[in-house]
């Protein structure tokens, strides 16, 4: 059985395969770092996008101060690979997760976590006290997404003061993620609403400093808002992730700011009628939670899933589809994070020649 090797041409790859254009990816990284470093904020990329220590190290080499992860299981993989400065951005609740966290902190004490409730803070304190460990925590604040996060104002201050009584927890920052604003297509609306969210975040940080807490970290922002957040006085770091590869959803919101560097290579396996072609990339290869993927370079052909293994291509004007059995096509995912989670490997190429093969090391790490 053929095994892909560095130096192989892309024509040798089986399909579906996940491709990374290294020239475009490197340009995306350089562009983001240049834009944000000019604004004097730190970049802490969210590694739930790349799911790869190899790519995390590339981001660190480009100037990132550390990384974010969403789950304890992701932190285990990244920390064991030498990525020490990690922030887990999702609340850690339940004995199984807390026990895993303790084991992780014992080996990687620089780890930071977020809390948004009295119950969560108390449970974290108790298990750390039993293990004689301490940890730096950030207050997770609701800045309008209405997902996790303590409400600003009295609720946030009450929680902060409670954390202040817990000897194993050290409150050093606040996190506020405006995820509901990332994909707003109108740039003026996105900027206006983002600044409103940032006002809530930085005002809360100021209140907590007035109350005596050493709030050194104010972290926020995704790919769609990072540059806006970075212009707000008081924001110290941003958490973009998707910029490294991009997807159609972000591209429609941000335009050509970053290139679509990741595609899914697929093959036309059937041509039942002149107006329909079928490829070997279905729901197991391309996620559709943010809409349909797009065929690279052919706006007049629409994709929709035909099941787990099949994708159906039709012309947007019901005309003949100019494809033949055996044609190899590249699709741009609509949501990069969930599509990457469907694949085992990145096949990274430059000018059609493989330069690297990276495992998707945190694929399926949902705990």
Protein backbone atom coordinates (compact mmCIF):
# COMPACT_ATOMS: atom_id res chain seq x y z
CA UNK A 1 0.00 0.00 0.00
CA UNK A 2 1.32 3.43 -0.95
CA UNK A 3 2.45 5.61 1.97
CA UNK A 4 2.93 9.33 1.25
CA UNK A 5 6.52 10.52 1.53
CA UNK A 6 8.19 13.91 1.70
CA UNK A 7 9.11 14.90 -1.84
CA UNK A 8 6.14 13.17 -3.46
CA UNK A 9 3.93 15.03 -5.89
CA UNK A 10 0.34 15.66 -4.82
CA UNK A 11 -0.82 13.51 -7.74
CA UNK A 12 0.27 10.45 -5.76
CA UNK A 13 -2.03 11.16 -2.80
CA UNK A 14 -5.19 9.15 -2.35
CA UNK A 15 -8.39 11.10 -1.77
CA UNK A 16 -9.95 12.61 0.21
CA UNK A 17 -6.80 14.23 1.67
CA UNK A 18 -6.30 17.45 3.60
CA UNK A 19 -3.82 19.77 1.89
CA UNK A 20 -1.96 22.78 3.24
CA UNK A 21 -0.37 25.26 0.85
CA UNK A 22 2.74 26.25 2.82
CA UNK A 23 3.35 29.46 0.90
CA UNK A 24 -0.15 30.72 1.71
CA UNK A 25 -0.07 29.48 5.32
CA UNK A 26 3.26 31.15 6.03
CA UNK A 27 2.01 34.40 4.53
CA UNK A 28 -1.10 34.24 6.76
CA UNK A 29 1.02 33.73 9.88
CA UNK A 30 3.40 36.56 8.97
CA UNK A 31 0.50 38.90 8.19
CA UNK A 32 -1.32 38.29 11.47
CA UNK A 33 1.80 38.63 13.57
CA UNK A 34 2.85 41.82 11.81
CA UNK A 35 -0.59 43.39 12.14
CA UNK A 36 -0.94 42.59 15.83
CA UNK A 37 2.63 43.16 16.99
CA UNK A 38 2.39 46.66 15.56
CA UNK A 39 -0.47 47.21 18.03
CA UNK A 40 1.66 46.00 20.97
CA UNK A 41 -0.58 43.17 22.08
CA UNK A 42 0.50 39.58 22.60
CA UNK A 43 -0.77 36.84 20.30
CA UNK A 44 -1.95 33.64 21.96
CA UNK A 45 -3.34 31.58 19.05
CA UNK A 46 -6.19 29.21 19.72
CA UNK A 47 -4.78 25.77 18.99
CA UNK A 48 -8.20 24.13 18.74
CA UNK A 49 -7.92 25.13 15.10
CA UNK A 50 -4.59 23.55 14.15
CA UNK A 51 -4.76 20.58 16.55
CA UNK A 52 -1.03 20.00 15.97
CA UNK A 53 2.05 20.64 18.14
CA UNK A 54 4.11 21.01 14.96
CA UNK A 55 1.95 23.91 13.84
CA UNK A 56 1.86 25.33 17.37
CA UNK A 57 5.65 25.49 17.30
CA UNK A 58 5.53 27.37 14.00
CA UNK A 59 3.22 29.94 15.58
CA UNK A 60 5.52 30.30 18.59
CA UNK A 61 8.52 30.74 16.32
CA UNK A 62 6.64 33.52 14.54
CA UNK A 63 6.10 35.44 17.79
CA UNK A 64 3.17 33.90 19.67
CA UNK A 65 3.60 33.95 23.46
CA UNK A 66 1.82 30.63 24.02
CA UNK A 67 -1.43 28.99 23.04
CA UNK A 68 -5.05 28.46 23.92
CA UNK A 69 -6.83 25.13 23.98
CA UNK A 70 -10.48 24.36 24.58
CA UNK A 71 -10.22 21.11 26.53
CA UNK A 72 -8.01 19.36 29.08
CA UNK A 73 -7.34 16.56 26.59
CA UNK A 74 -5.98 19.10 24.09
CA UNK A 75 -3.78 20.61 26.78
CA UNK A 76 -2.37 17.17 27.59
CA UNK A 77 -1.21 16.67 24.01
CA UNK A 78 0.20 20.17 23.57
CA UNK A 79 1.95 20.30 26.95
CA UNK A 80 3.50 16.87 26.53
CA UNK A 81 4.88 18.12 23.21
CA UNK A 82 6.61 21.02 24.97
CA UNK A 83 4.01 23.80 24.55
CA UNK A 84 4.04 24.99 28.17
CA UNK A 85 2.31 28.39 28.24
CA UNK A 86 -1.26 27.23 27.72
CA UNK A 87 -4.63 28.68 28.65
CA UNK A 88 -7.62 26.33 28.74
CA UNK A 89 -10.46 28.59 27.62
CA UNK A 90 -13.40 26.39 28.65
CA UNK A 91 -14.63 25.83 32.20
CA UNK A 92 -13.38 22.58 33.76
CA UNK A 93 -16.24 20.91 35.59
CA UNK A 94 -16.62 17.37 36.95
CA UNK A 95 -14.38 15.00 38.86
CA UNK A 96 -12.91 13.20 35.82
CA UNK A 97 -11.73 16.43 34.21
CA UNK A 98 -10.47 17.88 37.47
CA UNK A 99 -8.46 14.74 38.19
CA UNK A 100 -6.87 14.95 34.74
CA UNK A 101 -6.14 18.61 35.32
CA UNK A 102 -4.32 17.84 38.56
CA UNK A 103 -2.11 15.31 36.80
CA UNK A 104 -1.40 17.86 34.09
CA UNK A 105 -0.52 20.66 36.51
CA UNK A 106 1.88 18.40 38.36
CA UNK A 107 3.96 18.17 35.19
CA UNK A 108 3.16 21.56 33.66
CA UNK A 109 2.64 24.20 36.37
CA UNK A 110 2.49 27.12 33.90
CA UNK A 111 -0.98 26.03 32.78
CA UNK A 112 -3.80 28.54 33.27
CA UNK A 113 -7.56 27.97 33.36
CA UNK A 114 -10.78 30.00 33.43
CA UNK A 115 -13.62 29.99 35.94
CA UNK A 116 -17.07 31.56 35.77
CA UNK A 117 -18.91 30.27 38.86
CA UNK A 118 -18.63 29.88 42.60
CA UNK A 119 -19.22 26.14 42.30
CA UNK A 120 -16.52 25.76 39.66
CA UNK A 121 -13.98 27.77 41.62
CA UNK A 122 -14.72 25.89 44.84
CA UNK A 123 -14.38 22.46 43.22
CA UNK A 124 -11.11 23.44 41.56
CA UNK A 125 -9.74 24.80 44.84
CA UNK A 126 -10.71 21.66 46.75
CA UNK A 127 -9.01 19.18 44.45
CA UNK A 128 -5.90 21.35 44.19
CA UNK A 129 -5.73 21.68 47.97
CA UNK A 130 -5.84 17.92 48.31
CA UNK A 131 -2.96 17.65 45.83
CA UNK A 132 -1.10 20.63 47.38
CA UNK A 133 -1.05 22.46 44.08
CA UNK A 134 -1.85 26.01 43.03
CA UNK A 135 -2.89 27.51 39.70
CA UNK A 136 -3.35 30.88 38.01
CA UNK A 137 -6.90 31.50 36.88
CA UNK A 138 -8.75 33.99 34.71
CA UNK A 139 -12.29 35.16 35.27
CA UNK A 140 -14.35 34.17 32.23
CA UNK A 141 -16.66 37.10 31.51
CA UNK A 142 -19.81 37.24 29.37
CA UNK A 143 -19.28 40.11 26.92
CA UNK A 144 -22.39 39.42 24.87
CA UNK A 145 -22.07 35.92 23.45
CA UNK A 146 -24.37 34.56 26.17
CA UNK A 147 -22.56 31.24 26.34
CA UNK A 148 -20.24 30.70 29.28
CA UNK A 149 -18.99 33.60 31.38
CA UNK A 150 -20.04 35.35 34.55
CA UNK A 151 -22.07 38.51 34.02
CA UNK A 152 -20.16 41.79 34.33
CA UNK A 153 -20.66 44.09 37.28
CA UNK A 154 -21.70 42.80 40.68
CA UNK A 155 -21.66 39.12 39.69
CA UNK A 156 -18.10 39.32 38.37
CA UNK A 157 -16.84 41.19 41.41
CA UNK A 158 -18.56 38.77 43.79
CA UNK A 159 -16.93 35.80 42.07
CA UNK A 160 -13.54 37.51 42.03
CA UNK A 161 -13.71 38.18 45.77
CA UNK A 162 -14.68 34.58 46.40
CA UNK A 163 -11.71 33.38 44.37
CA UNK A 164 -9.59 35.71 46.47
CA UNK A 165 -10.46 33.62 49.54
CA UNK A 166 -9.30 30.38 47.91
CA UNK A 167 -5.66 29.78 48.67
CA UNK A 168 -4.98 27.47 45.72
CA UNK A 169 -6.30 29.86 43.07
CA UNK A 170 -4.58 33.06 41.98
CA UNK A 171 -6.70 35.45 39.93
CA UNK A 172 -4.43 37.07 37.34
CA UNK A 173 -6.70 38.04 34.47
CA UNK A 174 -10.01 38.15 32.65
CA UNK A 175 -11.17 36.49 29.46
CA UNK A 176 -14.06 37.70 27.33
CA UNK A 177 -14.77 36.04 23.98
CA UNK A 178 -17.05 37.82 21.51
CA UNK A 179 -17.66 34.73 19.38
CA UNK A 180 -21.04 36.00 18.25
CA UNK A 181 -19.33 38.81 16.33
CA UNK A 182 -16.65 36.88 14.44
CA UNK A 183 -18.53 36.39 11.18
CA UNK A 184 -20.52 39.62 10.86
CA UNK A 185 -20.01 40.59 7.22
CA UNK A 186 -20.46 44.33 7.64
CA UNK A 187 -17.08 45.61 8.88
CA UNK A 188 -18.49 48.74 10.50
CA UNK A 189 -21.09 46.78 12.45
CA UNK A 190 -18.53 44.19 13.48
CA UNK A 191 -16.13 46.88 14.71
CA UNK A 192 -18.81 48.83 16.57
CA UNK A 193 -20.21 45.82 18.39
CA UNK A 194 -16.73 44.50 19.14
CA UNK A 195 -15.72 47.78 20.78
CA UNK A 196 -18.84 47.61 22.93
CA UNK A 197 -17.87 44.12 24.07
CA UNK A 198 -14.31 45.26 24.75
CA UNK A 199 -15.58 48.14 26.87
CA UNK A 200 -17.31 45.60 29.12
CA UNK A 201 -14.12 43.55 29.35
CA UNK A 202 -11.63 46.31 30.09
CA UNK A 203 -13.97 48.09 32.50
CA UNK A 204 -14.34 44.86 34.47
CA UNK A 205 -10.55 44.46 34.53
CA UNK A 206 -10.23 48.02 35.86
CA UNK A 207 -12.85 47.37 38.55
CA UNK A 208 -11.04 44.27 39.70
CA UNK A 209 -7.71 46.10 39.86
CA UNK A 210 -9.41 48.77 41.96
CA UNK A 211 -10.56 45.95 44.24
CA UNK A 212 -6.94 44.88 44.67
CA UNK A 213 -6.62 42.02 42.18
CA UNK A 214 -3.45 41.86 40.03
CA UNK A 215 -5.18 41.65 36.66
CA UNK A 216 -2.23 41.33 34.29
CA UNK A 217 -3.97 39.45 31.45
CA UNK A 218 -6.96 40.71 29.48
CA UNK A 219 -7.47 38.14 26.73
CA UNK A 220 -10.04 38.11 23.96
CA UNK A 221 -10.58 38.11 20.23
CA UNK A 222 -10.82 35.64 17.37
CA UNK A 223 -9.78 35.83 13.75
CA UNK A 224 -12.73 38.07 12.86
CA UNK A 225 -12.14 40.62 15.63
CA UNK A 226 -8.50 40.32 16.76
CA UNK A 227 -7.34 43.49 15.04
CA UNK A 228 -10.26 45.47 16.43
CA UNK A 229 -9.65 44.16 19.94
CA UNK A 230 -5.96 44.96 19.67
CA UNK A 231 -6.76 48.65 19.20
CA UNK A 232 -8.57 48.86 22.55
CA UNK A 233 -6.51 50.16 25.45
CA UNK A 234 -6.40 47.57 28.20
CA UNK A 235 -6.47 44.47 26.00
CA UNK A 236 -3.19 42.60 26.52
CA UNK A 237 -3.56 39.57 24.25
CA UNK A 238 -5.75 38.11 21.51
CA UNK A 239 -6.66 34.52 20.61
CA UNK A 240 -7.07 34.17 16.82
CA UNK A 241 -6.95 30.65 15.41
CA UNK A 242 -8.57 30.23 12.00
CA UNK A 243 -6.42 32.90 10.32
CA UNK A 244 -3.66 30.35 9.71
CA UNK A 245 -5.82 28.44 7.18
CA UNK A 246 -9.08 30.41 6.80
CA UNK A 247 -12.40 29.05 5.54
CA UNK A 248 -15.26 30.31 3.44
CA UNK A 249 -17.20 31.67 6.43
CA UNK A 250 -14.33 33.88 7.55
CA UNK A 251 -13.42 34.78 3.98
CA UNK A 252 -16.91 36.14 3.38
CA UNK A 253 -16.56 38.29 6.51
CA UNK A 254 -12.95 39.45 6.12
CA UNK A 255 -12.42 39.43 2.37
CA UNK A 256 -8.88 38.88 1.17
CA UNK A 257 -7.14 39.71 4.46
CA UNK A 258 -5.92 36.11 4.66
CA UNK A 259 -5.71 33.38 2.04
CA UNK A 260 -7.49 30.03 2.01
CA UNK A 261 -4.43 27.88 2.69
CA UNK A 262 -6.20 24.58 3.49
CA UNK A 263 -8.24 22.53 1.05
CA UNK A 264 -9.68 19.04 0.85
CA UNK A 265 -8.51 17.12 -2.21
CA UNK A 266 -11.21 14.92 -3.72
CA UNK A 267 -11.86 12.84 -6.84
CA UNK A 268 -14.85 12.75 -9.19
CA UNK A 269 -16.04 9.15 -8.94
CA UNK A 270 -19.31 9.30 -10.85
CA UNK A 271 -20.93 11.36 -13.60
CA UNK A 272 -24.53 10.10 -13.68
CA UNK A 273 -25.99 12.99 -15.72
CA UNK A 274 -24.60 16.02 -17.58
CA UNK A 275 -25.74 18.28 -14.73
CA UNK A 276 -24.44 16.19 -11.82
CA UNK A 277 -21.03 14.92 -10.72
CA UNK A 278 -20.22 12.99 -7.56
CA UNK A 279 -16.99 13.20 -5.55
CA UNK A 280 -15.58 10.98 -2.80
CA UNK A 281 -15.77 13.67 -0.09
CA UNK A 282 -18.94 13.63 1.97
CA UNK A 283 -19.82 14.42 5.58
CA UNK A 284 -16.85 12.37 6.84
CA UNK A 285 -14.47 14.70 4.99
CA UNK A 286 -16.10 18.16 4.89
CA UNK A 287 -18.11 19.72 7.72
CA UNK A 288 -21.22 21.70 6.83
CA UNK A 289 -22.13 23.33 10.16
CA UNK A 290 -21.18 26.77 8.73
CA UNK A 291 -22.57 26.16 5.27
CA UNK A 292 -21.36 24.32 2.21
CA UNK A 293 -17.70 24.10 1.20
CA UNK A 294 -16.73 25.80 -2.04
CA UNK A 295 -14.96 24.32 -5.05
CA UNK A 296 -11.65 26.14 -5.43
CA UNK A 297 -11.56 28.29 -8.52
CA UNK A 298 -15.05 27.40 -9.76
CA UNK A 299 -17.75 29.63 -8.29
CA UNK A 300 -20.37 28.35 -10.72
CA UNK A 301 -20.38 24.82 -9.25
CA UNK A 302 -22.19 24.12 -5.99
CA UNK A 303 -21.45 21.33 -3.50
CA UNK A 304 -23.87 19.61 -1.18
CA UNK A 305 -23.32 16.42 0.82
CA UNK A 306 -24.67 13.17 -0.57
CA UNK A 307 -24.09 11.20 2.62
CA UNK A 308 -21.06 10.12 4.61
CA UNK A 309 -18.82 9.34 1.64
CA UNK A 310 -20.24 11.35 -1.25
CA UNK A 311 -20.48 14.95 -2.33
CA UNK A 312 -22.76 16.06 -5.14
CA UNK A 313 -21.76 18.83 -7.54
CA UNK A 314 -24.23 20.75 -9.66
CA UNK A 315 -24.06 23.92 -11.69
CA UNK A 316 -25.50 26.98 -10.00
CA UNK A 317 -27.53 27.70 -13.17
CA UNK A 318 -28.49 24.06 -13.92
CA UNK A 319 -26.07 23.91 -16.83
CA UNK A 320 -23.77 21.03 -17.73
CA UNK A 321 -21.08 20.42 -15.11
CA UNK A 322 -17.71 20.51 -16.92
CA UNK A 323 -16.13 17.63 -14.99
CA UNK A 324 -15.07 14.11 -15.87
CA UNK A 325 -14.65 10.91 -13.89
CA UNK A 326 -11.18 10.92 -12.38
CA UNK A 327 -10.86 14.71 -12.12
CA UNK A 328 -9.19 15.79 -8.87
CA UNK A 329 -10.70 18.82 -7.18
CA UNK A 330 -9.91 20.96 -4.14
CA UNK A 331 -12.65 22.17 -1.77
CA UNK A 332 -12.35 25.11 0.63
CA UNK A 333 -14.08 24.18 3.92
CA UNK A 334 -16.81 26.40 5.30
CA UNK A 335 -15.62 25.80 8.89
CA UNK A 336 -11.96 25.02 9.27
CA UNK A 337 -11.94 23.73 12.87
CA UNK A 338 -14.58 21.05 12.43
CA UNK A 339 -13.27 19.95 9.03
CA UNK A 340 -9.73 19.47 10.36
CA UNK A 341 -11.18 17.29 13.13
CA UNK A 342 -12.34 14.82 10.45
CA UNK A 343 -8.81 14.07 9.17
CA UNK A 344 -5.76 12.22 10.45
CA UNK A 345 -3.02 14.13 8.61
CA UNK A 346 -2.10 17.41 7.03
CA UNK A 347 -0.29 17.02 3.73
CA UNK A 348 1.71 20.23 3.50
CA UNK A 349 3.06 21.13 0.08
CA UNK A 350 4.85 23.84 -1.77
CA UNK A 351 4.20 24.12 -5.50
CA UNK A 352 2.58 20.68 -5.48
CA UNK A 353 5.44 18.82 -3.76
CA UNK A 354 5.03 17.43 -0.22
CA UNK A 355 7.29 19.14 2.34
CA UNK A 356 5.69 17.89 5.55
CA UNK A 357 3.13 15.41 6.87
CA UNK A 358 1.72 16.42 10.25
CA UNK A 359 -0.60 14.26 12.36
CA UNK A 360 -3.78 15.96 13.59
CA UNK A 361 -2.68 15.15 17.12
CA UNK A 362 -5.68 16.49 19.05
CA UNK A 363 -8.31 15.15 16.66
CA UNK A 364 -11.27 13.95 18.71
CA UNK A 365 -9.95 15.42 21.97
CA UNK A 366 -13.33 16.54 23.26
CA UNK A 367 -12.93 15.83 26.97
